[in-house]
Amino acid sequence: MLSQREQHYVEELARRIAKMRSFLTDQPLPASEDATGWYKFLASLKEIQGNANNDVSFAATMMAKEYLLAQYGVASFDAAAKAQGAPGLDIDVRLPDGRRLVAEIKTTVPYKVNDLGAQQKAMFEKDFEKLVASRADVKLFLLTERSTYELMREARYRGKIPGVKVVLLPEGDAIAQ
């Protein structure tokens, strides 16, 4: 069941995708040597698209909502209530039994074949610190990419998030500590 805000977000996303589809169908590609034409074409596409990173994050938050409902019985979480990229924990809810659950969501694809890039590591460290410092009964690190999940299985990362359950969405595979 989608909240009104979630429904609105999905409708807006679908509208932009339909507009992109129409643009790509209706606009011929510029000639190979037409730099100005390519710039205008790509700038128009970018404008229609909006912030794709936020859209991907929203979809991941919707997957997290499904996971929270299935695993913890949380039915009141609104994935569109907090703006994507806003500071603070991605999820902070009360479970039906009154316990507090907090979570961070990552849609990151590792930059390197076998590790995160430097900027990715820095962002993960911030999320690790938020989770570890939180006074919550349940702490989740929710990931959407299997390659990132596999990295989090390694001791070099697991040791940084004691007491935090790492979950791969939508599968629900989990690494508990």
N, C-alpha and C. Protein backbone atom coordinates (compact mmCIF):
# COMPACT_ATOMS: atom_id res chain seq x y z
N MET A 1 0.84 -1.17 0.00
CA MET A 1 0.00 0.00 0.00
C MET A 1 0.88 1.24 0.00
N LEU A 2 0.71 2.09 -1.00
CA LEU A 2 1.52 3.30 -1.11
C LEU A 2 0.85 4.45 -0.36
N SER A 3 1.68 5.26 0.28
CA SER A 3 1.17 6.49 0.88
C SER A 3 0.85 7.47 -0.25
N GLN A 4 0.17 8.53 0.09
CA GLN A 4 -0.15 9.55 -0.92
C GLN A 4 1.12 10.16 -1.50
N ARG A 5 2.11 10.42 -0.65
CA ARG A 5 3.38 10.99 -1.12
C ARG A 5 4.13 10.01 -2.02
N GLU A 6 4.14 8.74 -1.63
CA GLU A 6 4.81 7.73 -2.45
C GLU A 6 4.13 7.62 -3.82
N GLN A 7 2.81 7.61 -3.81
CA GLN A 7 2.06 7.53 -5.07
C GLN A 7 2.37 8.72 -5.96
N HIS A 8 2.44 9.90 -5.38
CA HIS A 8 2.76 11.11 -6.13
C HIS A 8 4.16 11.01 -6.74
N TYR A 9 5.13 10.53 -5.95
CA TYR A 9 6.51 10.40 -6.43
C TYR A 9 6.56 9.43 -7.61
N VAL A 10 5.89 8.30 -7.49
CA VAL A 10 5.90 7.30 -8.56
C VAL A 10 5.23 7.85 -9.81
N GLU A 11 4.14 8.58 -9.65
CA GLU A 11 3.45 9.18 -10.80
C GLU A 11 4.35 10.21 -11.50
N GLU A 12 5.05 11.02 -10.73
CA GLU A 12 5.96 12.01 -11.31
C GLU A 12 7.12 11.33 -12.02
N LEU A 13 7.65 10.28 -11.43
CA LEU A 13 8.71 9.50 -12.05
C LEU A 13 8.25 8.91 -13.38
N ALA A 14 7.07 8.32 -13.38
CA ALA A 14 6.51 7.74 -14.61
C ALA A 14 6.29 8.82 -15.68
N ARG A 15 5.86 10.01 -15.25
CA ARG A 15 5.64 11.11 -16.19
C ARG A 15 6.95 11.52 -16.86
N ARG A 16 8.02 11.63 -16.05
CA ARG A 16 9.31 12.01 -16.61
C ARG A 16 9.86 10.93 -17.54
N ILE A 17 9.68 9.69 -17.19
CA ILE A 17 10.16 8.60 -18.05
C ILE A 17 9.39 8.59 -19.36
N ALA A 18 8.09 8.82 -19.30
CA ALA A 18 7.28 8.89 -20.53
C ALA A 18 7.75 10.06 -21.40
N LYS A 19 8.08 11.17 -20.77
CA LYS A 19 8.58 12.34 -21.51
C LYS A 19 9.94 12.04 -22.14
N MET A 20 10.80 11.34 -21.41
CA MET A 20 12.11 10.95 -21.96
C MET A 20 11.93 10.01 -23.15
N ARG A 21 11.02 9.04 -23.00
CA ARG A 21 10.76 8.08 -24.07
C ARG A 21 10.29 8.82 -25.33
N SER A 22 9.39 9.76 -25.14
CA SER A 22 8.87 10.55 -26.26
C SER A 22 9.99 11.37 -26.91
N PHE A 23 10.80 12.02 -26.07
CA PHE A 23 11.91 12.83 -26.58
C PHE A 23 12.86 11.97 -27.41
N LEU A 24 13.22 10.79 -26.89
CA LEU A 24 14.16 9.92 -27.59
C LEU A 24 13.57 9.38 -28.90
N THR A 25 12.27 9.21 -28.92
CA THR A 25 11.60 8.73 -30.14
C THR A 25 11.48 9.84 -31.18
N ASP A 26 11.17 11.05 -30.71
CA ASP A 26 10.88 12.16 -31.62
C ASP A 26 12.11 12.93 -32.10
N GLN A 27 13.17 12.96 -31.33
CA GLN A 27 14.34 13.78 -31.67
C GLN A 27 15.38 12.94 -32.39
N PRO A 28 15.75 13.36 -33.59
CA PRO A 28 16.83 12.62 -34.27
C PRO A 28 18.16 12.92 -33.59
N LEU A 29 19.06 11.96 -33.67
CA LEU A 29 20.40 12.18 -33.12
C LEU A 29 21.15 13.18 -33.98
N PRO A 30 21.94 14.03 -33.36
CA PRO A 30 22.74 14.99 -34.13
C PRO A 30 23.80 14.26 -34.96
N ALA A 31 24.30 14.93 -35.95
CA ALA A 31 25.39 14.38 -36.74
C ALA A 31 26.62 14.20 -35.85
N SER A 32 27.45 13.24 -36.18
CA SER A 32 28.62 12.91 -35.36
C SER A 32 29.49 14.12 -35.06
N GLU A 33 29.68 15.00 -36.02
CA GLU A 33 30.58 16.15 -35.84
C GLU A 33 29.87 17.39 -35.28
N ASP A 34 28.59 17.30 -34.94
CA ASP A 34 27.82 18.45 -34.46
C ASP A 34 27.87 18.55 -32.93
N ALA A 35 28.95 19.13 -32.42
CA ALA A 35 29.14 19.24 -30.97
C ALA A 35 28.01 20.03 -30.32
N THR A 36 27.59 21.13 -30.94
CA THR A 36 26.51 21.95 -30.39
C THR A 36 25.21 21.15 -30.36
N GLY A 37 24.94 20.43 -31.42
CA GLY A 37 23.74 19.59 -31.48
C GLY A 37 23.74 18.53 -30.38
N TRP A 38 24.89 17.88 -30.19
CA TRP A 38 25.00 16.87 -29.13
C TRP A 38 24.80 17.50 -27.76
N TYR A 39 25.41 18.66 -27.55
CA TYR A 39 25.25 19.33 -26.26
C TYR A 39 23.77 19.62 -26.00
N LYS A 40 23.09 20.22 -26.97
CA LYS A 40 21.67 20.57 -26.78
C LYS A 40 20.82 19.32 -26.56
N PHE A 41 21.10 18.27 -27.32
CA PHE A 41 20.36 17.02 -27.18
C PHE A 41 20.53 16.46 -25.76
N LEU A 42 21.79 16.35 -25.32
CA LEU A 42 22.06 15.77 -24.00
C LEU A 42 21.57 16.67 -22.87
N ALA A 43 21.70 17.98 -23.00
CA ALA A 43 21.21 18.90 -21.97
C ALA A 43 19.70 18.80 -21.84
N SER A 44 19.00 18.68 -22.97
CA SER A 44 17.54 18.52 -22.92
C SER A 44 17.16 17.22 -22.23
N LEU A 45 17.86 16.16 -22.56
CA LEU A 45 17.59 14.85 -21.95
C LEU A 45 17.84 14.91 -20.44
N LYS A 46 18.92 15.56 -20.05
CA LYS A 46 19.26 15.69 -18.63
C LYS A 46 18.19 16.48 -17.89
N GLU A 47 17.70 17.54 -18.51
CA GLU A 47 16.66 18.37 -17.89
C GLU A 47 15.38 17.56 -17.67
N ILE A 48 14.99 16.78 -18.66
CA ILE A 48 13.79 15.95 -18.54
C ILE A 48 13.98 14.91 -17.45
N GLN A 49 15.15 14.30 -17.45
CA GLN A 49 15.44 13.20 -16.53
C GLN A 49 15.37 13.64 -15.07
N GLY A 50 15.85 14.82 -14.75
CA GLY A 50 15.89 15.22 -13.36
C GLY A 50 17.03 14.52 -12.65
N ASN A 51 16.92 14.38 -11.34
CA ASN A 51 17.99 13.76 -10.55
C ASN A 51 17.77 12.25 -10.47
N ALA A 52 18.40 11.53 -11.37
CA ALA A 52 18.23 10.07 -11.42
C ALA A 52 18.75 9.40 -10.16
N ASN A 53 19.78 9.96 -9.54
CA ASN A 53 20.29 9.38 -8.29
C ASN A 53 19.21 9.39 -7.21
N ASN A 54 18.46 10.48 -7.12
CA ASN A 54 17.37 10.53 -6.14
C ASN A 54 16.29 9.51 -6.47
N ASP A 55 16.02 9.33 -7.74
CA ASP A 55 15.00 8.36 -8.14
C ASP A 55 15.43 6.93 -7.79
N VAL A 56 16.69 6.62 -8.02
CA VAL A 56 17.21 5.30 -7.66
C VAL A 56 17.13 5.11 -6.14
N SER A 57 17.49 6.14 -5.40
CA SER A 57 17.42 6.08 -3.94
C SER A 57 15.99 5.90 -3.46
N PHE A 58 15.06 6.58 -4.10
CA PHE A 58 13.65 6.42 -3.73
C PHE A 58 13.20 4.98 -3.96
N ALA A 59 13.55 4.41 -5.12
CA ALA A 59 13.17 3.02 -5.40
C ALA A 59 13.77 2.08 -4.36
N ALA A 60 15.02 2.34 -3.95
CA ALA A 60 15.65 1.52 -2.92
C ALA A 60 14.92 1.68 -1.58
N THR A 61 14.46 2.87 -1.29
CA THR A 61 13.72 3.10 -0.05
C THR A 61 12.38 2.37 -0.10
N MET A 62 11.78 2.29 -1.27
CA MET A 62 10.54 1.51 -1.42
C MET A 62 10.82 0.02 -1.18
N MET A 63 11.96 -0.47 -1.67
CA MET A 63 12.34 -1.86 -1.40
C MET A 63 12.56 -2.06 0.10
N ALA A 64 13.17 -1.08 0.74
CA ALA A 64 13.39 -1.15 2.19
C ALA A 64 12.05 -1.21 2.92
N LYS A 65 11.10 -0.43 2.46
CA LYS A 65 9.76 -0.43 3.07
C LYS A 65 9.14 -1.84 2.99
N GLU A 66 9.26 -2.47 1.83
CA GLU A 66 8.73 -3.84 1.67
C GLU A 66 9.44 -4.80 2.63
N TYR A 67 10.74 -4.65 2.77
CA TYR A 67 11.51 -5.51 3.68
C TYR A 67 11.07 -5.29 5.13
N LEU A 68 10.93 -4.03 5.52
CA LEU A 68 10.51 -3.72 6.89
C LEU A 68 9.14 -4.28 7.21
N LEU A 69 8.25 -4.23 6.26
CA LEU A 69 6.91 -4.79 6.47
C LEU A 69 6.99 -6.31 6.61
N ALA A 70 7.70 -6.97 5.70
CA ALA A 70 7.79 -8.43 5.71
C ALA A 70 8.55 -8.97 6.93
N GLN A 71 9.64 -8.32 7.31
CA GLN A 71 10.50 -8.85 8.37
C GLN A 71 10.17 -8.34 9.77
N TYR A 72 9.63 -7.13 9.84
CA TYR A 72 9.42 -6.52 11.16
C TYR A 72 7.99 -6.05 11.40
N GLY A 73 7.13 -6.18 10.42
CA GLY A 73 5.73 -5.77 10.59
C GLY A 73 5.52 -4.27 10.59
N VAL A 74 6.50 -3.52 10.09
CA VAL A 74 6.38 -2.05 10.05
C VAL A 74 5.50 -1.68 8.85
N ALA A 75 4.32 -1.15 9.15
CA ALA A 75 3.39 -0.80 8.08
C ALA A 75 3.24 0.71 7.92
N SER A 76 3.81 1.48 8.84
CA SER A 76 3.57 2.92 8.84
C SER A 76 4.68 3.74 8.19
N PHE A 77 5.72 3.09 7.69
CA PHE A 77 6.84 3.83 7.11
C PHE A 77 6.47 4.42 5.76
N ASP A 78 6.76 5.70 5.57
CA ASP A 78 6.49 6.41 4.32
C ASP A 78 7.82 6.69 3.63
N ALA A 79 8.09 6.00 2.53
CA ALA A 79 9.36 6.12 1.83
C ALA A 79 9.58 7.49 1.21
N ALA A 80 8.53 8.27 1.05
CA ALA A 80 8.65 9.60 0.43
C ALA A 80 8.61 10.73 1.45
N ALA A 81 8.52 10.40 2.73
CA ALA A 81 8.40 11.44 3.76
C ALA A 81 9.69 12.26 3.90
N LYS A 82 10.83 11.61 3.77
CA LYS A 82 12.12 12.29 3.91
C LYS A 82 12.72 12.46 2.51
N ALA A 83 13.17 13.66 2.21
CA ALA A 83 13.78 13.92 0.91
C ALA A 83 15.04 13.08 0.75
N GLN A 84 15.22 12.53 -0.45
CA GLN A 84 16.43 11.76 -0.73
C GLN A 84 17.63 12.67 -0.59
N GLY A 85 18.66 12.20 0.09
CA GLY A 85 19.86 13.00 0.27
C GLY A 85 19.81 13.93 1.47
N ALA A 86 18.67 13.99 2.15
CA ALA A 86 18.58 14.84 3.34
C ALA A 86 19.44 14.25 4.45
N PRO A 87 19.98 15.11 5.32
CA PRO A 87 20.83 14.59 6.40
C PRO A 87 20.04 13.74 7.40
N GLY A 88 20.78 12.96 8.15
CA GLY A 88 20.15 12.11 9.16
C GLY A 88 20.02 10.70 8.67
N LEU A 89 19.51 9.85 9.53
CA LEU A 89 19.31 8.45 9.20
C LEU A 89 18.28 8.31 8.08
N ASP A 90 18.48 7.35 7.19
CA ASP A 90 17.53 7.13 6.11
C ASP A 90 16.19 6.62 6.65
N ILE A 91 16.27 5.76 7.67
CA ILE A 91 15.06 5.20 8.27
C ILE A 91 15.21 5.25 9.78
N ASP A 92 14.17 5.71 10.45
CA ASP A 92 14.12 5.75 11.91
C ASP A 92 12.66 5.54 12.29
N VAL A 93 12.32 4.31 12.68
CA VAL A 93 10.93 3.96 12.95
C VAL A 93 10.81 3.17 14.26
N ARG A 94 9.58 3.09 14.74
CA ARG A 94 9.25 2.24 15.88
C ARG A 94 8.63 0.97 15.36
N LEU A 95 9.08 -0.14 15.89
CA LEU A 95 8.51 -1.44 15.54
C LEU A 95 7.19 -1.61 16.29
N PRO A 96 6.35 -2.52 15.84
CA PRO A 96 5.07 -2.74 16.52
C PRO A 96 5.22 -3.03 18.02
N ASP A 97 6.35 -3.63 18.42
CA ASP A 97 6.56 -3.93 19.85
C ASP A 97 7.20 -2.78 20.61
N GLY A 98 7.39 -1.62 19.94
CA GLY A 98 7.91 -0.43 20.60
C GLY A 98 9.41 -0.22 20.46
N ARG A 99 10.13 -1.22 19.98
CA ARG A 99 11.58 -1.05 19.80
C ARG A 99 11.84 -0.06 18.66
N ARG A 100 13.02 0.56 18.72
CA ARG A 100 13.43 1.52 17.68
C ARG A 100 14.30 0.81 16.66
N LEU A 101 14.02 1.03 15.38
CA LEU A 101 14.80 0.50 14.27
C LEU A 101 15.33 1.67 13.46
N VAL A 102 16.64 1.62 13.17
CA VAL A 102 17.25 2.62 12.31
C VAL A 102 17.96 1.91 11.17
N ALA A 103 18.07 2.60 10.04
CA ALA A 103 18.72 1.98 8.88
C ALA A 103 19.31 3.04 7.98
N GLU A 104 20.36 2.64 7.30
CA GLU A 104 20.95 3.41 6.21
C GLU A 104 20.83 2.55 4.95
N ILE A 105 20.58 3.20 3.82
CA ILE A 105 20.41 2.51 2.55
C ILE A 105 21.50 2.96 1.59
N LYS A 106 22.11 2.01 0.91
CA LYS A 106 23.14 2.33 -0.08
C LYS A 106 22.81 1.62 -1.40
N THR A 107 22.90 2.39 -2.49
CA THR A 107 22.70 1.85 -3.84
C THR A 107 24.04 1.82 -4.58
N THR A 108 25.11 1.84 -3.85
CA THR A 108 26.47 1.97 -4.37
C THR A 108 26.95 0.72 -5.10
N VAL A 109 27.53 0.93 -6.27
CA VAL A 109 28.26 -0.11 -7.00
C VAL A 109 29.73 0.18 -6.74
N PRO A 110 30.49 -0.79 -6.22
CA PRO A 110 31.90 -0.52 -5.91
C PRO A 110 32.66 0.00 -7.12
N TYR A 111 33.47 1.03 -6.87
CA TYR A 111 34.27 1.65 -7.92
C TYR A 111 35.35 0.70 -8.42
N LYS A 112 35.96 -0.02 -7.49
CA LYS A 112 37.01 -0.96 -7.85
C LYS A 112 36.43 -2.36 -7.97
N VAL A 113 37.19 -3.26 -8.58
CA VAL A 113 36.73 -4.63 -8.75
C VAL A 113 36.52 -5.30 -7.40
N ASN A 114 37.40 -5.03 -6.45
CA ASN A 114 37.32 -5.73 -5.17
C ASN A 114 37.26 -4.78 -3.97
N ASP A 115 36.85 -3.52 -4.19
CA ASP A 115 36.74 -2.59 -3.08
C ASP A 115 36.01 -1.33 -3.51
N LEU A 116 35.64 -0.56 -2.51
CA LEU A 116 35.04 0.74 -2.74
C LEU A 116 36.12 1.73 -3.14
N GLY A 117 35.73 2.78 -3.83
CA GLY A 117 36.64 3.87 -4.12
C GLY A 117 36.79 4.75 -2.89
N ALA A 118 37.74 5.67 -2.93
CA ALA A 118 38.03 6.52 -1.77
C ALA A 118 36.81 7.33 -1.31
N GLN A 119 36.11 7.96 -2.24
CA GLN A 119 34.93 8.76 -1.87
C GLN A 119 33.81 7.85 -1.36
N GLN A 120 33.64 6.69 -1.97
CA GLN A 120 32.64 5.74 -1.50
C GLN A 120 32.95 5.31 -0.06
N LYS A 121 34.21 5.02 0.22
CA LYS A 121 34.61 4.63 1.57
C LYS A 121 34.27 5.73 2.57
N ALA A 122 34.54 6.96 2.20
CA ALA A 122 34.26 8.09 3.09
C ALA A 122 32.77 8.17 3.41
N MET A 123 31.94 7.99 2.40
CA MET A 123 30.48 8.03 2.61
C MET A 123 30.01 6.85 3.46
N PHE A 124 30.58 5.68 3.22
CA PHE A 124 30.22 4.51 4.02
C PHE A 124 30.63 4.73 5.47
N GLU A 125 31.81 5.30 5.68
CA GLU A 125 32.29 5.56 7.05
C GLU A 125 31.31 6.47 7.80
N LYS A 126 30.79 7.48 7.13
CA LYS A 126 29.80 8.37 7.76
C LYS A 126 28.56 7.59 8.17
N ASP A 127 28.10 6.72 7.27
CA ASP A 127 26.91 5.92 7.59
C ASP A 127 27.20 4.93 8.71
N PHE A 128 28.38 4.32 8.68
CA PHE A 128 28.77 3.41 9.76
C PHE A 128 28.72 4.13 11.10
N GLU A 129 29.29 5.33 11.14
CA GLU A 129 29.32 6.10 12.38
C GLU A 129 27.91 6.43 12.87
N LYS A 130 27.03 6.83 11.94
CA LYS A 130 25.64 7.14 12.33
C LYS A 130 24.97 5.92 12.93
N LEU A 131 25.13 4.77 12.27
CA LEU A 131 24.48 3.56 12.76
C LEU A 131 25.03 3.13 14.12
N VAL A 132 26.33 3.07 14.24
CA VAL A 132 26.95 2.61 15.48
C VAL A 132 26.58 3.55 16.64
N ALA A 133 26.54 4.85 16.39
CA ALA A 133 26.24 5.82 17.45
C ALA A 133 24.76 5.86 17.82
N SER A 134 23.90 5.35 16.97
CA SER A 134 22.45 5.41 17.23
C SER A 134 22.07 4.55 18.43
N ARG A 135 21.18 5.11 19.21
CA ARG A 135 20.63 4.37 20.35
C ARG A 135 19.35 3.69 19.85
N ALA A 136 19.55 2.56 19.19
CA ALA A 136 18.42 1.83 18.61
C ALA A 136 18.53 0.35 18.94
N ASP A 137 17.40 -0.31 18.94
CA ASP A 137 17.36 -1.75 19.24
C ASP A 137 17.73 -2.59 18.03
N VAL A 138 17.39 -2.08 16.84
CA VAL A 138 17.68 -2.78 15.60
C VAL A 138 18.37 -1.80 14.67
N LYS A 139 19.54 -2.21 14.15
CA LYS A 139 20.31 -1.36 13.25
C LYS A 139 20.56 -2.13 11.96
N LEU A 140 20.19 -1.51 10.83
CA LEU A 140 20.30 -2.17 9.53
C LEU A 140 21.13 -1.32 8.58
N PHE A 141 21.94 -2.02 7.80
CA PHE A 141 22.66 -1.40 6.68
C PHE A 141 22.13 -2.10 5.44
N LEU A 142 21.27 -1.42 4.70
CA LEU A 142 20.54 -2.00 3.58
C LEU A 142 21.24 -1.67 2.26
N LEU A 143 21.56 -2.71 1.50
CA LEU A 143 22.30 -2.56 0.25
C LEU A 143 21.47 -3.11 -0.92
N THR A 144 21.67 -2.52 -2.09
CA THR A 144 20.93 -2.97 -3.27
C THR A 144 21.81 -3.71 -4.27
N GLU A 145 23.11 -3.70 -4.06
CA GLU A 145 24.03 -4.31 -5.02
C GLU A 145 24.76 -5.49 -4.38
N ARG A 146 24.68 -6.65 -5.02
CA ARG A 146 25.31 -7.85 -4.47
C ARG A 146 26.82 -7.66 -4.29
N SER A 147 27.50 -7.00 -5.24
CA SER A 147 28.95 -6.81 -5.11
C SER A 147 29.29 -6.01 -3.86
N THR A 148 28.48 -5.04 -3.52
CA THR A 148 28.71 -4.24 -2.31
C THR A 148 28.42 -5.09 -1.07
N TYR A 149 27.36 -5.86 -1.13
CA TYR A 149 27.01 -6.77 -0.03
C TYR A 149 28.16 -7.74 0.24
N GLU A 150 28.74 -8.30 -0.81
CA GLU A 150 29.85 -9.24 -0.63
C GLU A 150 31.05 -8.56 0.02
N LEU A 151 31.31 -7.30 -0.34
CA LEU A 151 32.40 -6.56 0.31
C LEU A 151 32.14 -6.39 1.81
N MET A 152 30.88 -6.15 2.17
CA MET A 152 30.54 -5.94 3.57
C MET A 152 30.67 -7.21 4.40
N ARG A 153 30.79 -8.36 3.74
CA ARG A 153 31.01 -9.63 4.43
C ARG A 153 32.45 -9.72 4.95
N GLU A 154 33.34 -8.94 4.36
CA GLU A 154 34.76 -9.01 4.71
C GLU A 154 35.02 -8.35 6.06
N ALA A 155 35.97 -8.93 6.80
CA ALA A 155 36.30 -8.47 8.16
C ALA A 155 36.66 -6.98 8.19
N ARG A 156 37.33 -6.49 7.14
CA ARG A 156 37.75 -5.08 7.14
C ARG A 156 36.57 -4.13 7.23
N TYR A 157 35.39 -4.56 6.79
CA TYR A 157 34.19 -3.73 6.90
C TYR A 157 33.31 -4.16 8.07
N ARG A 158 33.15 -5.44 8.29
CA ARG A 158 32.28 -5.93 9.36
C ARG A 158 32.72 -5.38 10.71
N GLY A 159 34.02 -5.29 10.92
CA GLY A 159 34.51 -4.79 12.19
C GLY A 159 34.16 -3.33 12.46
N LYS A 160 33.77 -2.61 11.44
CA LYS A 160 33.43 -1.20 11.60
C LYS A 160 31.98 -0.97 11.98
N ILE A 161 31.17 -2.02 11.90
CA ILE A 161 29.74 -1.85 12.20
C ILE A 161 29.23 -2.94 13.14
N PRO A 162 29.79 -2.98 14.35
CA PRO A 162 29.33 -3.98 15.31
C PRO A 162 27.85 -3.78 15.66
N GLY A 163 27.13 -4.86 15.74
CA GLY A 163 25.72 -4.79 16.10
C GLY A 163 24.80 -4.37 14.97
N VAL A 164 25.34 -4.24 13.77
CA VAL A 164 24.54 -3.81 12.63
C VAL A 164 24.32 -5.00 11.70
N LYS A 165 23.08 -5.23 11.32
CA LYS A 165 22.73 -6.29 10.38
C LYS A 165 22.81 -5.72 8.97
N VAL A 166 23.58 -6.38 8.11
CA VAL A 166 23.72 -5.96 6.71
C VAL A 166 22.74 -6.80 5.89
N VAL A 167 21.92 -6.13 5.08
CA VAL A 167 20.88 -6.80 4.31
C VAL A 167 20.98 -6.43 2.84
N LEU A 168 20.85 -7.44 1.99
CA LEU A 168 20.80 -7.22 0.54
C LEU A 168 19.34 -7.17 0.11
N LEU A 169 18.94 -6.05 -0.48
CA LEU A 169 17.58 -5.89 -0.98
C LEU A 169 17.55 -6.16 -2.48
N PRO A 170 16.51 -6.71 -3.01
CA PRO A 170 15.28 -7.12 -2.33
C PRO A 170 15.33 -8.55 -1.79
N GLU A 171 16.41 -9.27 -2.04
CA GLU A 171 16.48 -10.68 -1.68
C GLU A 171 16.29 -10.93 -0.18
N GLY A 172 16.82 -10.04 0.64
CA GLY A 172 16.72 -10.22 2.08
C GLY A 172 17.86 -11.02 2.67
N ASP A 173 18.88 -11.37 1.84
CA ASP A 173 20.06 -12.04 2.39
C ASP A 173 20.62 -11.14 3.47
N ALA A 174 21.11 -11.74 4.56
CA ALA A 174 21.56 -10.93 5.67
C ALA A 174 22.83 -11.46 6.31
N ILE A 175 23.61 -10.53 6.82
CA ILE A 175 24.82 -10.81 7.59
C ILE A 175 24.55 -10.20 8.95
N ALA A 176 24.34 -11.02 9.95
CA ALA A 176 24.11 -10.51 11.29
C ALA A 176 25.40 -10.59 12.08
N GLN A 177 25.57 -9.66 13.00
CA GLN A 177 26.77 -9.70 13.83
C GLN A 177 26.36 -9.74 15.28
